[in-house]
Structure formats: C-alpha cells, structure tokens
Protein backbone atom coordinates (compact mmCIF):
# COMPACT_ATOMS: atom_id res chain seq x y z
CA MET A 1 86.28 97.81 109.75
CA LEU A 2 89.62 98.23 111.29
CA TYR A 3 92.39 95.39 111.18
CA GLN A 4 94.96 95.44 113.34
CA GLN A 5 98.80 94.52 111.64
CA SER A 6 98.61 90.89 112.87
CA GLU A 7 95.73 90.33 110.76
CA ILE A 8 97.01 91.70 107.04
CA GLY A 9 98.03 88.51 106.33
CA ARG A 10 94.87 86.91 105.80
CA PHE A 11 93.82 89.07 103.30
CA ILE A 12 95.62 87.07 100.69
CA GLU A 13 93.17 84.41 100.97
CA LYS A 14 90.94 84.26 98.21
CA GLU A 15 87.71 84.33 100.59
CA VAL A 16 88.38 87.79 101.83
CA SER A 17 86.67 90.13 99.17
CA GLY A 18 89.33 92.90 97.76
CA GLY A 19 91.93 91.07 99.91
CA GLU A 20 94.47 91.08 97.21
CA TRP A 21 94.89 94.91 96.75
CA ARG A 22 94.65 95.41 100.59
CA TYR A 23 97.23 92.95 101.23
CA HIS A 24 100.21 94.41 98.78
CA ALA A 25 99.01 97.95 99.82
CA ALA A 26 99.63 97.00 103.41
CA GLN A 27 102.95 94.90 102.54
CA GLU A 28 104.21 98.05 100.71
CA ILE A 29 103.71 100.09 103.61
CA LEU A 30 105.29 97.87 106.12
CA LEU A 31 108.14 97.07 103.96
CA THR A 32 108.56 101.04 103.28
CA ILE A 33 108.40 101.94 107.05
CA GLY A 34 109.99 98.74 108.89
CA MET A 35 112.32 97.60 106.37
CA ASN A 36 114.10 100.71 105.73
CA ARG A 37 116.26 101.50 108.33
CA ASN A 38 116.41 105.24 107.45
CA PHE A 39 112.85 106.11 107.58
CA PRO A 40 112.66 109.34 109.25
CA CYS A 41 110.26 108.39 112.04
CA PRO A 42 111.21 105.97 114.51
CA PHE A 43 108.21 105.69 116.35
CA SER A 44 106.72 104.55 113.21
CA GLN A 45 109.42 101.58 112.52
CA ALA A 46 108.85 100.61 116.25
CA ALA A 47 105.19 100.21 116.00
CA VAL A 48 105.77 97.93 112.73
CA LYS A 49 108.20 96.15 114.51
CA SER A 50 105.81 95.54 117.62
CA GLU A 51 102.90 95.04 115.18
CA ARG A 52 100.75 97.98 116.50
CA LEU A 53 99.76 99.54 113.47
CA MET A 54 95.90 99.58 112.58
CA PHE A 55 94.62 99.54 109.06
CA SER A 56 91.38 100.56 107.56
CA PHE A 57 91.29 99.84 103.82
CA ILE A 58 88.98 102.27 101.87
CA GLU A 59 87.74 101.30 98.07
CA ASP A 60 86.97 104.70 96.70
CA ILE A 61 85.50 108.16 97.32
CA SER A 62 81.89 107.42 96.90
CA PRO A 63 79.44 108.59 99.63
CA ALA A 64 79.34 104.75 101.00
CA SER A 65 83.03 104.55 101.38
CA LEU A 66 83.22 107.63 102.81
CA SER A 67 80.85 106.78 105.45
CA GLN A 68 82.77 103.65 106.27
CA SER A 69 85.90 105.69 106.58
CA ALA A 70 83.94 108.01 108.89
CA ASN A 71 83.03 105.14 111.07
CA ASP A 72 86.27 103.31 111.03
CA LEU A 73 87.82 106.69 112.51
CA GLY A 74 85.04 106.85 115.20
CA HIS A 75 86.08 103.29 116.24
CA TYR A 76 89.70 104.05 115.95
CA LEU A 77 89.16 107.05 118.59
CA ALA A 78 87.06 105.28 120.95
CA ARG A 79 89.87 102.68 121.01
CA ALA A 80 92.68 104.94 121.24
CA ALA A 81 90.87 106.88 124.21
CA GLU A 82 91.70 103.54 126.48
CA TRP A 83 95.58 104.24 125.29
CA ASP A 84 97.56 103.95 128.52
CA GLY A 85 99.62 107.08 127.61
CA LYS A 86 103.03 104.97 127.10
CA VAL A 87 104.53 105.27 123.45
CA SER A 88 105.43 102.22 123.47
CA THR A 89 101.45 100.67 123.12
CA ALA A 90 100.50 103.73 120.89
CA GLU A 91 98.45 102.43 117.77
CA PRO A 92 98.53 104.64 114.66
CA LEU A 93 95.86 104.21 112.31
CA LEU A 94 96.53 103.72 108.28
CA MET A 95 93.73 104.58 106.14
CA VAL A 96 94.69 103.20 103.18
CA PHE A 97 92.35 103.80 99.52
CA ASN A 98 92.59 101.58 96.79
CA PRO A 99 95.03 103.05 94.17
CA ALA A 100 93.07 101.69 91.41
CA HIS A 101 89.99 104.04 92.27
CA VAL A 102 91.76 106.51 94.38
CA LYS A 103 94.13 108.18 92.27
CA ALA A 104 95.82 112.02 90.75
CA GLU A 105 98.47 113.43 88.85
CA SER A 106 100.21 115.33 91.02
CA VAL A 107 100.48 115.88 94.72
CA ALA A 108 98.08 118.77 94.94
CA GLY A 109 95.40 116.26 93.37
CA TYR A 110 96.01 113.99 96.14
CA HIS A 111 95.78 116.48 98.57
CA ALA A 112 92.47 118.12 96.96
CA MET A 113 90.95 114.32 97.54
CA GLY A 114 92.11 114.04 101.05
CA TRP A 115 90.49 117.37 101.86
CA ASP A 116 87.58 116.35 100.65
CA VAL A 117 87.47 113.12 102.77
CA LEU A 118 88.12 115.26 105.76
CA GLN A 119 85.50 117.58 105.11
CA TYR A 120 83.15 114.66 104.90
CA TRP A 121 83.91 113.51 108.22
CA HIS A 122 83.39 116.98 109.73
CA ASP A 123 79.80 117.69 107.80
CA ASN A 124 78.97 113.93 109.11
CA ASP A 125 80.50 114.69 112.67
CA PRO A 126 78.21 113.00 115.58
CA LYS A 127 79.62 115.61 117.90
CA PRO A 128 80.41 119.35 117.94
CA TRP A 129 83.43 121.14 117.52
CA PRO A 130 85.61 121.09 120.81
CA GLU A 131 85.24 124.40 122.42
CA ASN A 132 88.89 125.12 123.19
CA VAL A 133 90.05 124.10 119.08
CA SER A 134 89.82 127.15 116.76
CA LEU A 135 87.80 127.18 114.17
CA ASP A 136 89.87 128.39 111.13
CA PRO A 137 92.58 126.75 109.93
CA HIS A 138 94.89 129.76 109.31
CA THR A 139 94.90 130.64 112.84
CA SER A 140 96.85 129.04 115.82
CA TYR A 141 95.39 126.29 117.56
CA TRP A 142 93.22 124.83 114.84
CA SER A 143 93.60 120.88 114.01
CA MET A 144 91.22 118.58 112.58
CA CYS A 145 88.82 117.13 114.74
CA TYR A 146 86.20 114.38 114.77
CA SER A 147 83.98 112.78 117.61
CA GLY A 148 85.50 115.32 119.67
CA VAL A 149 88.99 114.44 119.33
CA GLN A 150 91.80 116.35 118.15
CA ILE A 151 93.52 114.60 115.16
CA PHE A 152 96.53 115.08 113.03
CA VAL A 153 96.41 113.64 109.41
CA ASN A 154 99.57 112.91 107.46
CA MET A 155 98.50 112.68 103.70
CA SER A 156 100.79 110.37 102.28
CA ASN A 157 100.53 109.65 98.39
CA PRO A 158 102.74 108.03 95.62
CA ALA A 159 102.75 111.49 93.33
CA HIS A 160 105.58 112.37 96.08
CA VAL A 161 108.92 112.14 94.10
CA VAL A 162 111.13 114.30 96.11
CA ARG A 163 109.72 114.32 99.36
CA LYS A 164 109.77 110.88 99.67
CA SER A 165 109.28 110.49 103.55
CA ARG A 166 105.33 111.08 102.33
CA ASN A 167 105.38 108.13 100.01
CA LEU A 168 104.47 104.91 101.48
CA GLY A 169 103.88 103.12 98.47
CA HIS A 170 101.41 103.16 95.32
CA ALA A 171 97.83 103.78 97.79
CA MET A 172 97.29 107.24 99.09
CA THR A 173 97.37 106.64 102.69
CA PHE A 174 96.24 108.73 105.68
CA VAL A 175 98.45 108.07 108.62
CA ILE A 176 96.20 109.31 111.60
CA ASN A 177 96.86 110.22 115.36
CA PRO A 178 95.30 111.88 118.00
CA ARG A 179 96.74 115.10 118.11
CA GLU A 180 97.54 114.80 122.09
CA ARG A 181 99.94 112.15 121.26
CA PHE A 182 102.51 114.73 119.84
CA ASP A 183 102.45 116.97 122.72
CA MET A 184 103.34 113.85 124.98
CA VAL A 185 106.21 112.89 122.76
CA ALA A 186 107.32 115.98 121.06
CA GLY A 187 105.80 118.97 122.87
CA ASP A 188 106.61 122.35 123.08
CA ASN A 189 109.39 121.55 125.92
CA PRO A 190 113.28 120.98 125.34
CA GLN A 191 112.72 117.14 125.29
CA GLY A 192 110.08 117.47 122.71
CA ARG A 193 111.95 120.05 120.66
CA LYS A 194 115.16 117.52 120.45
CA ILE A 195 112.69 114.71 119.30
CA ARG A 196 111.42 116.79 116.50
CA GLU A 197 115.04 118.12 115.55
CA MET A 198 115.99 114.28 115.30
CA VAL A 199 113.04 113.45 113.25
CA ARG A 200 113.80 116.33 111.25
CA GLU A 201 117.22 115.66 110.29
CA ARG A 202 116.12 112.31 109.47
CA ILE A 203 113.65 113.71 107.09
CA GLU A 204 116.69 115.75 105.59
CA ILE A 205 118.69 112.64 104.83
CA TYR A 206 115.80 110.52 103.93
CA ASP A 207 114.28 113.32 101.20
CA ALA A 208 117.84 114.89 100.58
CA LEU A 209 115.87 117.93 100.85
CA PRO A 210 115.75 120.45 104.21
CA HIS A 211 112.78 119.56 105.94
CA SER A 212 109.52 121.67 104.98
CA PRO A 213 109.44 124.86 106.61
CA ALA A 214 105.44 124.45 107.52
CA LEU A 215 106.70 121.78 109.82
CA GLY A 216 106.04 123.12 113.25
CA SER A 217 104.35 122.99 117.00
CA TYR A 218 100.91 122.94 117.52
CA GLU A 219 101.99 124.28 121.39
CA ALA A 220 103.95 127.06 119.96
CA GLY A 221 101.00 128.18 117.90
CA GLU A 222 102.27 127.53 114.42
CA ILE A 223 100.04 126.53 111.52
CA GLU A 224 98.70 123.05 111.41
CA TRP A 225 96.71 122.39 108.56
CA TRP A 226 99.78 122.81 106.16
CA GLN A 227 101.83 119.96 108.14
CA TYR A 228 98.94 117.49 106.51
CA GLY A 229 99.90 118.01 102.86
CA LEU A 230 103.29 119.11 102.83
CA THR A 231 104.57 120.32 98.80
CA GLU A 232 107.16 119.16 96.68
CA THR A 233 109.08 122.44 97.41
CA ASN A 234 109.99 124.73 100.32
CA GLU A 235 108.67 127.82 98.66
CA PRO A 236 106.38 129.91 100.87
CA ARG A 237 103.05 128.46 101.05
CA LEU A 238 100.19 131.30 99.89
CA ASP A 239 97.12 128.83 99.39
CA ARG A 240 94.45 128.69 101.56
CA CYS A 241 92.85 125.74 103.06
CA PRO A 242 89.88 124.09 101.55
CA PHE A 243 88.43 123.01 104.64
CA HIS A 244 85.49 124.85 105.75
CA THR A 245 84.15 124.84 109.45
CA LYS A 246 80.14 124.44 109.64
CA PRO A 247 78.29 127.06 111.75
CA GLN A 248 78.39 126.21 115.69
CA ALA A 249 75.69 126.29 117.98
CA ASP A 250 77.73 128.97 120.43
CA ASP A 251 77.92 131.13 117.45
CA ARG A 252 81.42 131.04 117.19
CA THR A 253 82.69 132.50 113.61
CA SER A 254 85.65 131.62 111.63
CA LEU A 255 88.19 134.22 110.74
CA ALA A 256 88.74 132.21 107.41
CA ALA A 257 85.66 134.01 105.88
CA ASP A 258 86.64 137.14 106.60
CA SER A 259 90.14 137.13 105.01
CA ASP A 260 91.83 135.90 101.70
CA GLU A 261 95.25 137.21 102.54
CA PRO A 262 97.56 134.50 102.71
CA ILE A 263 99.47 134.15 105.97
CA PRO A 264 103.41 133.74 105.81
CA TYR A 265 105.19 131.21 107.72
CA ASN A 266 106.66 133.84 110.09
CA VAL A 267 103.49 135.50 110.77
CA MET A 268 102.42 132.91 113.68
CA PRO A 269 99.19 134.44 116.11
CA LYS A 270 100.04 134.42 119.78
CA ARG A 271 98.21 131.91 121.91
CA ALA A 272 95.79 133.62 124.18
CA ALA A 273 96.06 133.58 127.86
CA GLY A 274 94.33 130.65 129.91
C-alpha cells in the first residue's frame, strides 16, 4: 500500500498494525533529508518540505512481501504516469524495508538483497521489457524497467559509513523515480550538466569524499546499474551485475551472457544512431 508523506503521523496510533517501526523509519528519513541543510539533493529536500514523498513499507523479503513491493511499485508508476512534468510536483517513492527483518553486515550484503528485490520485480513483471531499452546491464542504455517504465533505484542502506549520502537511517530504503525525470531535470545538456555538477559538489562536501566515478549520465551512454548501489570507495568497479533479463519474445539476447570481462569506467559504448 502507498502512503503520502502527510499520512505518516497516523502510523504511531496503536490501531495501525506495524505502525511503530514505519513511523520511526519514516521520521528518520524525513529528518535526514529535510532537516539537514547540507543533504546533497536539493530536489529531495524540496519534496520533503512540500510533503510530496510517497512511501511503501515492506516487512521482509518473503514472497508475500516481495509481491507487495511489486504491487506498490506498479501503483506508484500508474500514479507517476499522470505527472504534469513540473519538478515542483514530482513525487519520489521511498520503499522502506523493516530493519528488524531486512539487515546485512555490509554495503555489499544490502546491495545483494536489493538486487534480489529488483530481480523479483522483473521475473514477475506483467509487461514486456521496453524495446528501446538494452537487455544487458553492462552496456549503454540499460536501466531497470517495470510495467513498461524505466526507473532509477537508489539503494540506500545503513551500512554506508563513508558515503553518508547513501545512508537515510536504520532501514534499507529504495529511492525510486521514473528515469525520464532525470533526463528532464539533469539531462545530457548544458543545464543538466550544470545541475549534476552542483549536486556532485554537494555530495563531496556531505561525504567528505570525492563523488563516485560511477555517477554518470544515461543519455550520454554511461553505465547505469553501478549507480543504483554505490560502493564505499572510488576504486574501479570490476564486479558483474547480478541482474538477469528473462528471455524476450522478440528473441533479443543479452550480451551479459556472452562475456565475463569487466567494463572499466572509461569504456562506454556509443549510442546507436536513431
């Protein structure tokens, strides 16, 4: 079930099942983003101030809870499809997992659980993978998709100590937006590059660390999946994406099955014409 930010207060009421953990997790997120003037993303801060955040609360990673997460995502994307295109009305989705049941000892452990969630969404997606989106996470122009919509998933988690901008509190939290919003606000154009530079400068101040070299631009053909779950260091990424695209009816194939070679940061395939 989806909740608007303005509804969070009622979770503390005794008659709301599971309300206490939901309330405290949401309040921690709201305080982290909204009350810290140095939080790197001014768009998130503005959304908190105007109570535009949407919330989904997931109890664990059992099949029933994963099914709920997929349903919530589908409802959110249907709601987002009615968006008027104004930054001031955009509603990010925060999918919050109960920290009592969804926990790991490391950033990598949280990322592994996060990718399991995304894999479940894909395996149970009611709609086919969009034809204009790459099937291979290791190539340009791949992004996570659900219900025919490209999405961006920020996997924030409490194991982040160095990269504090990816730690929103004690609960693993997905910050989800339709990916097209990033093209509109911070696309591969002069204005968009200026906005990305500003946000990355704020990240470096907040984290006391140079921003991750994995942060890139989808429109420029830079690898997307690295950005979902950032590592604590800026060392080159040599890992392979655990996500596997299911066979498509149009017989498109994933290059990921053909190669085990890692892709360095500076090797980014060019986008095909058209």
